[in-house]
Amino acid sequence: MTTTTIRIEDELKARVSAAAARAGQTAHAFILEAIARTVEQAERDAAFQELAEARWAHLLTSGKSVGWDEAKVWLEARGRGEMPARPRARKVGMGKAGG
């Protein structure tokens, strides 16, 4: 394990100490947990962005997509615990936006 030194303003240090005490943790444990959560969120964000870019590239290549109305009906049914058939992707116009 390595050691990292950080400098924080006195006000933030006091806030961290107070929040840690309310959580029943030491300031050190509270900071480590906060760092871990932030790193995990950054990793999830990066994975989501990567997936979105791959799906966008696939859309541009195939020209196929599912319309929002169909997707919404499908998602609502899934939310109710139903297992509807997936909507079929179809070719969509890929013209200029706003044009």
PDB file of N, CA and C in Angstrom:
ATOM      1  N   MET A   1       0.851  -1.168   0.000  1.00  0.00           N
ATOM      2  CA  MET A   1       0.000   0.000   0.000  1.00  0.00           C
ATOM      3  C   MET A   1       0.900   1.235   0.000  1.00  0.00           C
ATOM      4  N   THR A   2       0.492   2.253  -0.760  1.00  0.00           N
ATOM      5  CA  THR A   2       1.278   3.475  -0.810  1.00  0.00           C
ATOM      6  C   THR A   2       0.577   4.586  -0.049  1.00  0.00           C
ATOM      7  N   THR A   3       1.316   5.634   0.203  1.00  0.00           N
ATOM      8  CA  THR A   3       0.783   6.797   0.894  1.00  0.00           C
ATOM      9  C   THR A   3       0.708   7.958  -0.079  1.00  0.00           C
ATOM     10  N   THR A   4      -0.415   8.674  -0.050  1.00  0.00           N
ATOM     11  CA  THR A   4      -0.604   9.863  -0.867  1.00  0.00           C
ATOM     12  C   THR A   4      -0.990  11.000   0.062  1.00  0.00           C
ATOM     13  N   THR A   5      -0.377  12.130  -0.146  1.00  0.00           N
ATOM     14  CA  THR A   5      -0.690  13.296   0.665  1.00  0.00           C
ATOM     15  C   THR A   5      -1.572  14.233  -0.146  1.00  0.00           C
ATOM     16  N   ILE A   6      -2.636  14.727   0.488  1.00  0.00           N
ATOM     17  CA  ILE A   6      -3.492  15.709  -0.170  1.00  0.00           C
ATOM     18  C   ILE A   6      -3.574  16.943   0.724  1.00  0.00           C
ATOM     19  N   ARG A   7      -3.789  18.062   0.109  1.00  0.00           N
ATOM     20  CA  ARG A   7      -3.977  19.300   0.857  1.00  0.00           C
ATOM     21  C   ARG A   7      -5.413  19.745   0.637  1.00  0.00           C
ATOM     22  N   ILE A   8      -6.127  19.967   1.726  1.00  0.00           N
ATOM     23  CA  ILE A   8      -7.501  20.435   1.621  1.00  0.00           C
ATOM     24  C   ILE A   8      -7.693  21.644   2.531  1.00  0.00           C
ATOM     25  N   GLU A   9      -8.608  22.483   2.146  1.00  0.00           N
ATOM     26  CA  GLU A   9      -8.909  23.672   2.942  1.00  0.00           C
ATOM     27  C   GLU A   9      -9.448  23.253   4.309  1.00  0.00           C
ATOM     28  N   ASP A  10      -9.224  24.105   5.289  1.00  0.00           N
ATOM     29  CA  ASP A  10      -9.658  23.813   6.656  1.00  0.00           C
ATOM     30  C   ASP A  10     -11.166  23.565   6.729  1.00  0.00           C
ATOM     31  N   GLU A  11     -11.945  24.368   5.996  1.00  0.00           N
ATOM     32  CA  GLU A  11     -13.397  24.210   6.038  1.00  0.00           C
ATOM     33  C   GLU A  11     -13.811  22.832   5.526  1.00  0.00           C
ATOM     34  N   LEU A  12     -13.222  22.385   4.415  1.00  0.00           N
ATOM     35  CA  LEU A  12     -13.554  21.071   3.870  1.00  0.00           C
ATOM     36  C   LEU A  12     -13.117  19.972   4.834  1.00  0.00           C
ATOM     37  N   LYS A  13     -11.944  20.143   5.449  1.00  0.00           N
ATOM     38  CA  LYS A  13     -11.477  19.142   6.415  1.00  0.00           C
ATOM     39  C   LYS A  13     -12.467  19.013   7.570  1.00  0.00           C
ATOM     40  N   ALA A  14     -12.988  20.141   8.041  1.00  0.00           N
ATOM     41  CA  ALA A  14     -13.960  20.112   9.130  1.00  0.00           C
ATOM     42  C   ALA A  14     -15.250  19.431   8.683  1.00  0.00           C
ATOM     43  N   ARG A  15     -15.676  19.702   7.462  1.00  0.00           N
ATOM     44  CA  ARG A  15     -16.881  19.072   6.932  1.00  0.00           C
ATOM     45  C   ARG A  15     -16.699  17.567   6.807  1.00  0.00           C
ATOM     46  N   VAL A  16     -15.523  17.143   6.327  1.00  0.00           N
ATOM     47  CA  VAL A  16     -15.225  15.708   6.203  1.00  0.00           C
ATOM     48  C   VAL A  16     -15.248  15.064   7.580  1.00  0.00           C
ATOM     49  N   SER A  17     -14.619  15.691   8.545  1.00  0.00           N
ATOM     50  CA  SER A  17     -14.586  15.139   9.902  1.00  0.00           C
ATOM     51  C   SER A  17     -15.993  14.997  10.471  1.00  0.00           C
ATOM     52  N   ALA A  18     -16.821  16.018  10.263  1.00  0.00           N
ATOM     53  CA  ALA A  18     -18.197  15.978  10.777  1.00  0.00           C
ATOM     54  C   ALA A  18     -19.006  14.888  10.077  1.00  0.00           C
ATOM     55  N   ALA A  19     -18.874  14.796   8.758  1.00  0.00           N
ATOM     56  CA  ALA A  19     -19.616  13.775   8.005  1.00  0.00           C
ATOM     57  C   ALA A  19     -19.154  12.377   8.405  1.00  0.00           C
ATOM     58  N   ALA A  20     -17.859  12.211   8.583  1.00  0.00           N
ATOM     59  CA  ALA A  20     -17.322  10.906   8.989  1.00  0.00           C
ATOM     60  C   ALA A  20     -17.858  10.521  10.363  1.00  0.00           C
ATOM     61  N   ALA A  21     -17.888  11.482  11.268  1.00  0.00           N
ATOM     62  CA  ALA A  21     -18.398  11.197  12.613  1.00  0.00           C
ATOM     63  C   ALA A  21     -19.867  10.777  12.562  1.00  0.00           C
ATOM     64  N   ARG A  22     -20.666  11.486  11.734  1.00  0.00           N
ATOM     65  CA  ARG A  22     -22.075  11.112  11.597  1.00  0.00           C
ATOM     66  C   ARG A  22     -22.214   9.708  11.033  1.00  0.00           C
ATOM     67  N   ALA A  23     -21.287   9.309  10.162  1.00  0.00           N
ATOM     68  CA  ALA A  23     -21.334   7.977   9.550  1.00  0.00           C
ATOM     69  C   ALA A  23     -20.690   6.914  10.437  1.00  0.00           C
ATOM     70  N   GLY A  24     -20.130   7.333  11.571  1.00  0.00           N
ATOM     71  CA  GLY A  24     -19.478   6.379  12.470  1.00  0.00           C
ATOM     72  C   GLY A  24     -18.155   5.873  11.923  1.00  0.00           C
ATOM     73  N   GLN A  25     -17.477   6.722  11.157  1.00  0.00           N
ATOM     74  CA  GLN A  25     -16.204   6.334  10.546  1.00  0.00           C
ATOM     75  C   GLN A  25     -15.122   7.335  10.944  1.00  0.00           C
ATOM     76  N   THR A  26     -13.894   6.911  10.744  1.00  0.00           N
ATOM     77  CA  THR A  26     -12.800   7.868  10.867  1.00  0.00           C
ATOM     78  C   THR A  26     -12.784   8.717   9.601  1.00  0.00           C
ATOM     79  N   ALA A  27     -12.167   9.884   9.684  1.00  0.00           N
ATOM     80  CA  ALA A  27     -12.049  10.741   8.500  1.00  0.00           C
ATOM     81  C   ALA A  27     -11.281   9.997   7.399  1.00  0.00           C
ATOM     82  N   HIS A  28     -10.271   9.249   7.792  1.00  0.00           N
ATOM     83  CA  HIS A  28      -9.471   8.481   6.826  1.00  0.00           C
ATOM     84  C   HIS A  28     -10.343   7.481   6.067  1.00  0.00           C
ATOM     85  N   ALA A  29     -11.129   6.696   6.810  1.00  0.00           N
ATOM     86  CA  ALA A  29     -12.004   5.696   6.171  1.00  0.00           C
ATOM     87  C   ALA A  29     -13.041   6.380   5.286  1.00  0.00           C
ATOM     88  N   PHE A  30     -13.576   7.505   5.757  1.00  0.00           N
ATOM     89  CA  PHE A  30     -14.575   8.247   4.994  1.00  0.00           C
ATOM     90  C   PHE A  30     -13.982   8.729   3.675  1.00  0.00           C
ATOM     91  N   ILE A  31     -12.779   9.277   3.720  1.00  0.00           N
ATOM     92  CA  ILE A  31     -12.111   9.770   2.508  1.00  0.00           C
ATOM     93  C   ILE A  31     -11.819   8.624   1.552  1.00  0.00           C
ATOM     94  N   LEU A  32     -11.329   7.501   2.075  1.00  0.00           N
ATOM     95  CA  LEU A  32     -11.044   6.356   1.204  1.00  0.00           C
ATOM     96  C   LEU A  32     -12.308   5.857   0.515  1.00  0.00           C
ATOM     97  N   GLU A  33     -13.410   5.798   1.272  1.00  0.00           N
ATOM     98  CA  GLU A  33     -14.672   5.349   0.690  1.00  0.00           C
ATOM     99  C   GLU A  33     -15.149   6.322  -0.385  1.00  0.00           C
ATOM    100  N   ALA A  34     -15.004   7.606  -0.121  1.00  0.00           N
ATOM    101  CA  ALA A  34     -15.413   8.618  -1.100  1.00  0.00           C
ATOM    102  C   ALA A  34     -14.579   8.519  -2.374  1.00  0.00           C
ATOM    103  N   ILE A  35     -13.296   8.305  -2.224  1.00  0.00           N
ATOM    104  CA  ILE A  35     -12.424   8.157  -3.393  1.00  0.00           C
ATOM    105  C   ILE A  35     -12.816   6.912  -4.186  1.00  0.00           C
ATOM    106  N   ALA A  36     -13.038   5.804  -3.485  1.00  0.00           N
ATOM    107  CA  ALA A  36     -13.403   4.555  -4.161  1.00  0.00           C
ATOM    108  C   ALA A  36     -14.712   4.722  -4.930  1.00  0.00           C
ATOM    109  N   ARG A  37     -15.710   5.355  -4.296  1.00  0.00           N
ATOM    110  CA  ARG A  37     -17.001   5.580  -4.977  1.00  0.00           C
ATOM    111  C   ARG A  37     -16.819   6.458  -6.216  1.00  0.00           C
ATOM    112  N   THR A  38     -16.004   7.488  -6.091  1.00  0.00           N
ATOM    113  CA  THR A  38     -15.787   8.388  -7.217  1.00  0.00           C
ATOM    114  C   THR A  38     -15.081   7.673  -8.366  1.00  0.00           C
ATOM    115  N   VAL A  39     -14.096   6.858  -8.047  1.00  0.00           N
ATOM    116  CA  VAL A  39     -13.385   6.102  -9.083  1.00  0.00           C
ATOM    117  C   VAL A  39     -14.327   5.107  -9.758  1.00  0.00           C
ATOM    118  N   GLU A  40     -15.139   4.411  -8.965  1.00  0.00           N
ATOM    119  CA  GLU A  40     -16.100   3.459  -9.537  1.00  0.00           C
ATOM    120  C   GLU A  40     -17.081   4.164 -10.458  1.00  0.00           C
ATOM    121  N   GLN A  41     -17.551   5.342 -10.061  1.00  0.00           N
ATOM    122  CA  GLN A  41     -18.478   6.098 -10.912  1.00  0.00           C
ATOM    123  C   GLN A  41     -17.794   6.535 -12.204  1.00  0.00           C
ATOM    124  N   ALA A  42     -16.552   6.987 -12.105  1.00  0.00           N
ATOM    125  CA  ALA A  42     -15.810   7.390 -13.298  1.00  0.00           C
ATOM    126  C   ALA A  42     -15.621   6.204 -14.240  1.00  0.00           C
ATOM    127  N   GLU A  43     -15.364   5.022 -13.682  1.00  0.00           N
ATOM    128  CA  GLU A  43     -15.213   3.821 -14.505  1.00  0.00           C
ATOM    129  C   GLU A  43     -16.531   3.440 -15.171  1.00  0.00           C
ATOM    130  N   ARG A  44     -17.645   3.530 -14.418  1.00  0.00           N
ATOM    131  CA  ARG A  44     -18.963   3.239 -15.011  1.00  0.00           C
ATOM    132  C   ARG A  44     -19.288   4.245 -16.110  1.00  0.00           C
ATOM    133  N   ASP A  45     -18.977   5.516 -15.874  1.00  0.00           N
ATOM    134  CA  ASP A  45     -19.218   6.550 -16.889  1.00  0.00           C
ATOM    135  C   ASP A  45     -18.427   6.254 -18.154  1.00  0.00           C
ATOM    136  N   ALA A  46     -17.169   5.874 -17.993  1.00  0.00           N
ATOM    137  CA  ALA A  46     -16.319   5.573 -19.148  1.00  0.00           C
ATOM    138  C   ALA A  46     -16.855   4.360 -19.907  1.00  0.00           C
ATOM    139  N   ALA A  47     -17.281   3.329 -19.194  1.00  0.00           N
ATOM    140  CA  ALA A  47     -17.833   2.135 -19.845  1.00  0.00           C
ATOM    141  C   ALA A  47     -19.117   2.474 -20.580  1.00  0.00           C
ATOM    142  N   PHE A  48     -19.960   3.312 -19.968  1.00  0.00           N
ATOM    143  CA  PHE A  48     -21.202   3.731 -20.604  1.00  0.00           C
ATOM    144  C   PHE A  48     -20.907   4.518 -21.882  1.00  0.00           C
ATOM    145  N   GLN A  49     -19.946   5.427 -21.810  1.00  0.00           N
ATOM    146  CA  GLN A  49     -19.573   6.222 -22.981  1.00  0.00           C
ATOM    147  C   GLN A  49     -19.042   5.330 -24.093  1.00  0.00           C
ATOM    148  N   GLU A  50     -18.225   4.356 -23.739  1.00  0.00           N
ATOM    149  CA  GLU A  50     -17.678   3.418 -24.722  1.00  0.00           C
ATOM    150  C   GLU A  50     -18.801   2.622 -25.395  1.00  0.00           C
ATOM    151  N   LEU A  51     -19.749   2.144 -24.597  1.00  0.00           N
ATOM    152  CA  LEU A  51     -20.881   1.395 -25.133  1.00  0.00           C
ATOM    153  C   LEU A  51     -21.727   2.282 -26.044  1.00  0.00           C
ATOM    154  N   ALA A  52     -21.977   3.512 -25.602  1.00  0.00           N
ATOM    155  CA  ALA A  52     -22.778   4.435 -26.412  1.00  0.00           C
ATOM    156  C   ALA A  52     -22.096   4.714 -27.750  1.00  0.00           C
ATOM    157  N   GLU A  53     -20.794   4.917 -27.733  1.00  0.00           N
ATOM    158  CA  GLU A  53     -20.065   5.175 -28.976  1.00  0.00           C
ATOM    159  C   GLU A  53     -20.099   3.961 -29.899  1.00  0.00           C
ATOM    160  N   ALA A  54     -19.985   2.772 -29.334  1.00  0.00           N
ATOM    161  CA  ALA A  54     -20.044   1.555 -30.154  1.00  0.00           C
ATOM    162  C   ALA A  54     -21.426   1.396 -30.770  1.00  0.00           C
ATOM    163  N   ARG A  55     -22.459   1.669 -29.981  1.00  0.00           N
ATOM    164  CA  ARG A  55     -23.822   1.544 -30.513  1.00  0.00           C
ATOM    165  C   ARG A  55     -24.102   2.605 -31.564  1.00  0.00           C
ATOM    166  N   TRP A  56     -23.583   3.813 -31.369  1.00  0.00           N
ATOM    167  CA  TRP A  56     -23.762   4.867 -32.367  1.00  0.00           C
ATOM    168  C   TRP A  56     -23.060   4.470 -33.667  1.00  0.00           C
ATOM    169  N   ALA A  57     -21.851   3.932 -33.553  1.00  0.00           N
ATOM    170  CA  ALA A  57     -21.125   3.488 -34.741  1.00  0.00           C
ATOM    171  C   ALA A  57     -21.906   2.395 -35.465  1.00  0.00           C
ATOM    172  N   HIS A  58     -22.515   1.490 -34.703  1.00  0.00           N
ATOM    173  CA  HIS A  58     -23.317   0.420 -35.301  1.00  0.00           C
ATOM    174  C   HIS A  58     -24.535   1.006 -36.012  1.00  0.00           C
ATOM    175  N   LEU A  59     -25.175   1.986 -35.388  1.00  0.00           N
ATOM    176  CA  LEU A  59     -26.319   2.641 -36.020  1.00  0.00           C
ATOM    177  C   LEU A  59     -25.909   3.296 -37.331  1.00  0.00           C
ATOM    178  N   LEU A  60     -24.777   3.986 -37.317  1.00  0.00           N
ATOM    179  CA  LEU A  60     -24.321   4.646 -38.538  1.00  0.00           C
ATOM    180  C   LEU A  60     -23.984   3.634 -39.625  1.00  0.00           C
ATOM    181  N   THR A  61     -23.449   2.493 -39.232  1.00  0.00           N
ATOM    182  CA  THR A  61     -23.085   1.457 -40.192  1.00  0.00           C
ATOM    183  C   THR A  61     -24.315   0.738 -40.741  1.00  0.00           C
ATOM    184  N   SER A  62     -25.218   0.358 -39.853  1.00  0.00           N
ATOM    185  CA  SER A  62     -26.378  -0.428 -40.284  1.00  0.00           C
ATOM    186  C   SER A  62     -27.524   0.435 -40.788  1.00  0.00           C
ATOM    187  N   GLY A  63     -27.622   1.653 -40.249  1.00  0.00           N
ATOM    188  CA  GLY A  63     -28.743   2.515 -40.601  1.00  0.00           C
ATOM    189  C   GLY A  63     -30.050   2.074 -39.975  1.00  0.00           C
ATOM    190  N   LYS A  64     -29.989   1.128 -39.040  1.00  0.00           N
ATOM    191  CA  LYS A  64     -31.204   0.592 -38.417  1.00  0.00           C
ATOM    192  C   LYS A  64     -31.315   1.044 -36.970  1.00  0.00           C
ATOM    193  N   SER A  65     -32.554   1.284 -36.570  1.00  0.00           N
ATOM    194  CA  SER A  65     -32.820   1.705 -35.201  1.00  0.00           C
ATOM    195  C   SER A  65     -34.249   1.320 -34.832  1.00  0.00           C
ATOM    196  N   VAL A  66     -34.537   1.383 -33.555  1.00  0.00           N
ATOM    197  CA  VAL A  66     -35.897   1.160 -33.055  1.00  0.00           C
ATOM    198  C   VAL A  66     -36.452   2.531 -32.711  1.00  0.00           C
ATOM    199  N   GLY A  67     -37.651   2.813 -33.174  1.00  0.00           N
ATOM    200  CA  GLY A  67     -38.279   4.090 -32.877  1.00  0.00           C
ATOM    201  C   GLY A  67     -38.573   4.250 -31.401  1.00  0.00           C
ATOM    202  N   TRP A  68     -38.589   5.501 -30.926  1.00  0.00           N
ATOM    203  CA  TRP A  68     -38.805   5.754 -29.513  1.00  0.00           C
ATOM    204  C   TRP A  68     -40.151   5.219 -29.037  1.00  0.00           C
ATOM    205  N   ASP A  69     -41.209   5.408 -29.810  1.00  0.00           N
ATOM    206  CA  ASP A  69     -42.521   4.943 -29.366  1.00  0.00           C
ATOM    207  C   ASP A  69     -42.520   3.439 -29.123  1.00  0.00           C
ATOM    208  N   GLU A  70     -41.912   2.689 -30.040  1.00  0.00           N
ATOM    209  CA  GLU A  70     -41.837   1.232 -29.873  1.00  0.00           C
ATOM    210  C   GLU A  70     -40.958   0.863 -28.681  1.00  0.00           C
ATOM    211  N   ALA A  71     -39.839   1.548 -28.556  1.00  0.00           N
ATOM    212  CA  ALA A  71     -38.921   1.257 -27.453  1.00  0.00           C
ATOM    213  C   ALA A  71     -39.589   1.564 -26.118  1.00  0.00           C
ATOM    214  N   LYS A  72     -40.331   2.668 -26.040  1.00  0.00           N
ATOM    215  CA  LYS A  72     -40.996   3.053 -24.802  1.00  0.00           C
ATOM    216  C   LYS A  72     -42.020   2.003 -24.378  1.00  0.00           C
ATOM    217  N   VAL A  73     -42.821   1.528 -25.331  1.00  0.00           N
ATOM    218  CA  VAL A  73     -43.816   0.493 -25.024  1.00  0.00           C
ATOM    219  C   VAL A  73     -43.117  -0.757 -24.497  1.00  0.00           C
ATOM    220  N   TRP A  74     -42.034  -1.144 -25.144  1.00  0.00           N
ATOM    221  CA  TRP A  74     -41.274  -2.328 -24.740  1.00  0.00           C
ATOM    222  C   TRP A  74     -40.691  -2.148 -23.339  1.00  0.00           C
ATOM    223  N   LEU A  75     -40.077  -0.976 -23.086  1.00  0.00           N
ATOM    224  CA  LEU A  75     -39.474  -0.718 -21.783  1.00  0.00           C
ATOM    225  C   LEU A  75     -40.519  -0.681 -20.671  1.00  0.00           C
ATOM    226  N   GLU A  76     -41.671  -0.079 -20.952  1.00  0.00           N
ATOM    227  CA  GLU A  76     -42.728  -0.045 -19.945  1.00  0.00           C
ATOM    228  C   GLU A  76     -43.211  -1.449 -19.607  1.00  0.00           C
ATOM    229  N   ALA A  77     -43.361  -2.289 -20.620  1.00  0.00           N
ATOM    230  CA  ALA A  77     -43.792  -3.669 -20.384  1.00  0.00           C
ATOM    231  C   ALA A  77     -42.745  -4.411 -19.555  1.00  0.00           C
ATOM    232  N   ARG A  78     -41.475  -4.209 -19.881  1.00  0.00           N
ATOM    233  CA  ARG A  78     -40.407  -4.852 -19.095  1.00  0.00           C
ATOM    234  C   ARG A  78     -40.444  -4.369 -17.658  1.00  0.00           C
ATOM    235  N   GLY A  79     -40.726  -3.079 -17.478  1.00  0.00           N
ATOM    236  CA  GLY A  79     -40.817  -2.513 -16.137  1.00  0.00           C
ATOM    237  C   GLY A  79     -41.937  -3.123 -15.315  1.00  0.00           C
ATOM    238  N   ARG A  80     -42.969  -3.598 -15.990  1.00  0.00           N
ATOM    239  CA  ARG A  80     -44.085  -4.264 -15.308  1.00  0.00           C
ATOM    240  C   ARG A  80     -43.805  -5.748 -15.087  1.00  0.00           C
ATOM    241  N   GLY A  81     -42.622  -6.203 -15.503  1.00  0.00           N
ATOM    242  CA  GLY A  81     -42.264  -7.602 -15.316  1.00  0.00           C
ATOM    243  C   GLY A  81     -42.658  -8.499 -16.476  1.00  0.00           C
ATOM    244  N   GLU A  82     -43.196  -7.914 -17.538  1.00  0.00           N
ATOM    245  CA  GLU A  82     -43.585  -8.700 -18.713  1.00  0.00           C
ATOM    246  C   GLU A  82     -42.351  -9.009 -19.555  1.00  0.00           C
ATOM    247  N   MET A  83     -42.471  -9.952 -20.453  1.00  0.00           N
ATOM    248  CA  MET A  83     -41.371 -10.348 -21.337  1.00  0.00           C
ATOM    249  C   MET A  83     -41.817 -10.212 -22.798  1.00  0.00           C
ATOM    250  N   PRO A  84     -42.063  -8.999 -23.266  1.00  0.00           N
ATOM    251  CA  PRO A  84     -42.523  -8.817 -24.640  1.00  0.00           C
ATOM    252  C   PRO A  84     -41.401  -9.096 -25.640  1.00  0.00           C
ATOM    253  N   ALA A  85     -41.803  -9.381 -26.870  1.00  0.00           N
ATOM    254  CA  ALA A  85     -40.805  -9.553 -27.930  1.00  0.00           C
ATOM    255  C   ALA A  85     -40.110  -8.216 -28.161  1.00  0.00           C
ATOM    256  N   ARG A  86     -38.827  -8.281 -28.447  1.00  0.00           N
ATOM    257  CA  ARG A  86     -38.089  -7.050 -28.715  1.00  0.00           C
ATOM    258  C   ARG A  86     -38.609  -6.400 -29.993  1.00  0.00           C
ATOM    259  N   PRO A  87     -38.692  -5.093 -30.004  1.00  0.00           N
ATOM    260  CA  PRO A  87     -39.101  -4.434 -31.248  1.00  0.00           C
ATOM    261  C   PRO A  87     -38.014  -4.614 -32.307  1.00  0.00           C
ATOM    262  N   ARG A  88     -38.433  -4.698 -33.546  1.00  0.00           N
ATOM    263  CA  ARG A  88     -37.476  -4.898 -34.639  1.00  0.00           C
ATOM    264  C   ARG A  88     -36.890  -3.574 -35.096  1.00  0.00           C
ATOM    265  N   ALA A  89     -35.594  -3.596 -35.316  1.00  0.00           N
ATOM    266  CA  ALA A  89     -34.922  -2.413 -35.846  1.00  0.00           C
ATOM    267  C   ALA A  89     -35.275  -2.277 -37.321  1.00  0.00           C
ATOM    268  N   ARG A  90     -35.371  -1.039 -37.762  1.00  0.00           N
ATOM    269  CA  ARG A  90     -35.668  -0.785 -39.171  1.00  0.00           C
ATOM    270  C   ARG A  90     -34.805   0.363 -39.659  1.00  0.00           C
ATOM    271  N   LYS A  91     -34.669   0.446 -40.938  1.00  0.00           N
ATOM    272  CA  LYS A  91     -33.867   1.520 -41.535  1.00  0.00           C
ATOM    273  C   LYS A  91     -34.503   2.858 -41.192  1.00  0.00           C
ATOM    274  N   VAL A  92     -33.657   3.797 -40.844  1.00  0.00           N
ATOM    275  CA  VAL A  92     -34.137   5.139 -40.532  1.00  0.00           C
ATOM    276  C   VAL A  92     -33.432   6.140 -41.438  1.00  0.00           C
ATOM    277  N   GLY A  93     -34.089   7.271 -41.666  1.00  0.00           N
ATOM    278  CA  GLY A  93     -33.466   8.326 -42.449  1.00  0.00           C
ATOM    279  C   GLY A  93     -32.330   8.928 -41.669  1.00  0.00           C
ATOM    280  N   MET A  94     -31.200   9.086 -42.280  1.00  0.00           N
ATOM    281  CA  MET A  94     -30.027   9.617 -41.600  1.00  0.00           C
ATOM    282  C   MET A  94     -29.656  10.979 -42.202  1.00  0.00           C
ATOM    283  N   GLY A  95     -30.676  11.766 -42.550  1.00  0.00           N
ATOM    284  CA  GLY A  95     -30.431  13.079 -43.136  1.00  0.00           C
ATOM    285  C   GLY A  95     -29.865  14.033 -42.117  1.00  0.00           C
ATOM    286  N   LYS A  96     -29.611  15.279 -42.561  1.00  0.00           N
ATOM    287  CA  LYS A  96     -29.078  16.291 -41.681  1.00  0.00           C
ATOM    288  C   LYS A  96     -30.090  16.671 -40.615  1.00  0.00           C
ATOM    289  N   ALA A  97     -29.596  16.904 -39.419  1.00  0.00           N
ATOM    290  CA  ALA A  97     -30.476  17.318 -38.318  1.00  0.00           C
ATOM    291  C   ALA A  97     -31.045  18.688 -38.611  1.00  0.00           C
ATOM    292  N   GLY A  98     -32.316  18.839 -38.349  1.00  0.00           N
ATOM    293  CA  GLY A  98     -32.962  20.132 -38.541  1.00  0.00           C
ATOM    294  C   GLY A  98     -33.242  20.454 -39.990  1.00  0.00           C
ATOM    295  N   GLY A  99     -32.947  19.548 -40.893  1.00  0.00           N
ATOM    296  CA  GLY A  99     -33.090  19.851 -42.300  1.00  0.00           C
ATOM    297  C   GLY A  99     -34.146  19.132 -42.939  1.00  0.00           C
TER     298      GLY A  99
END
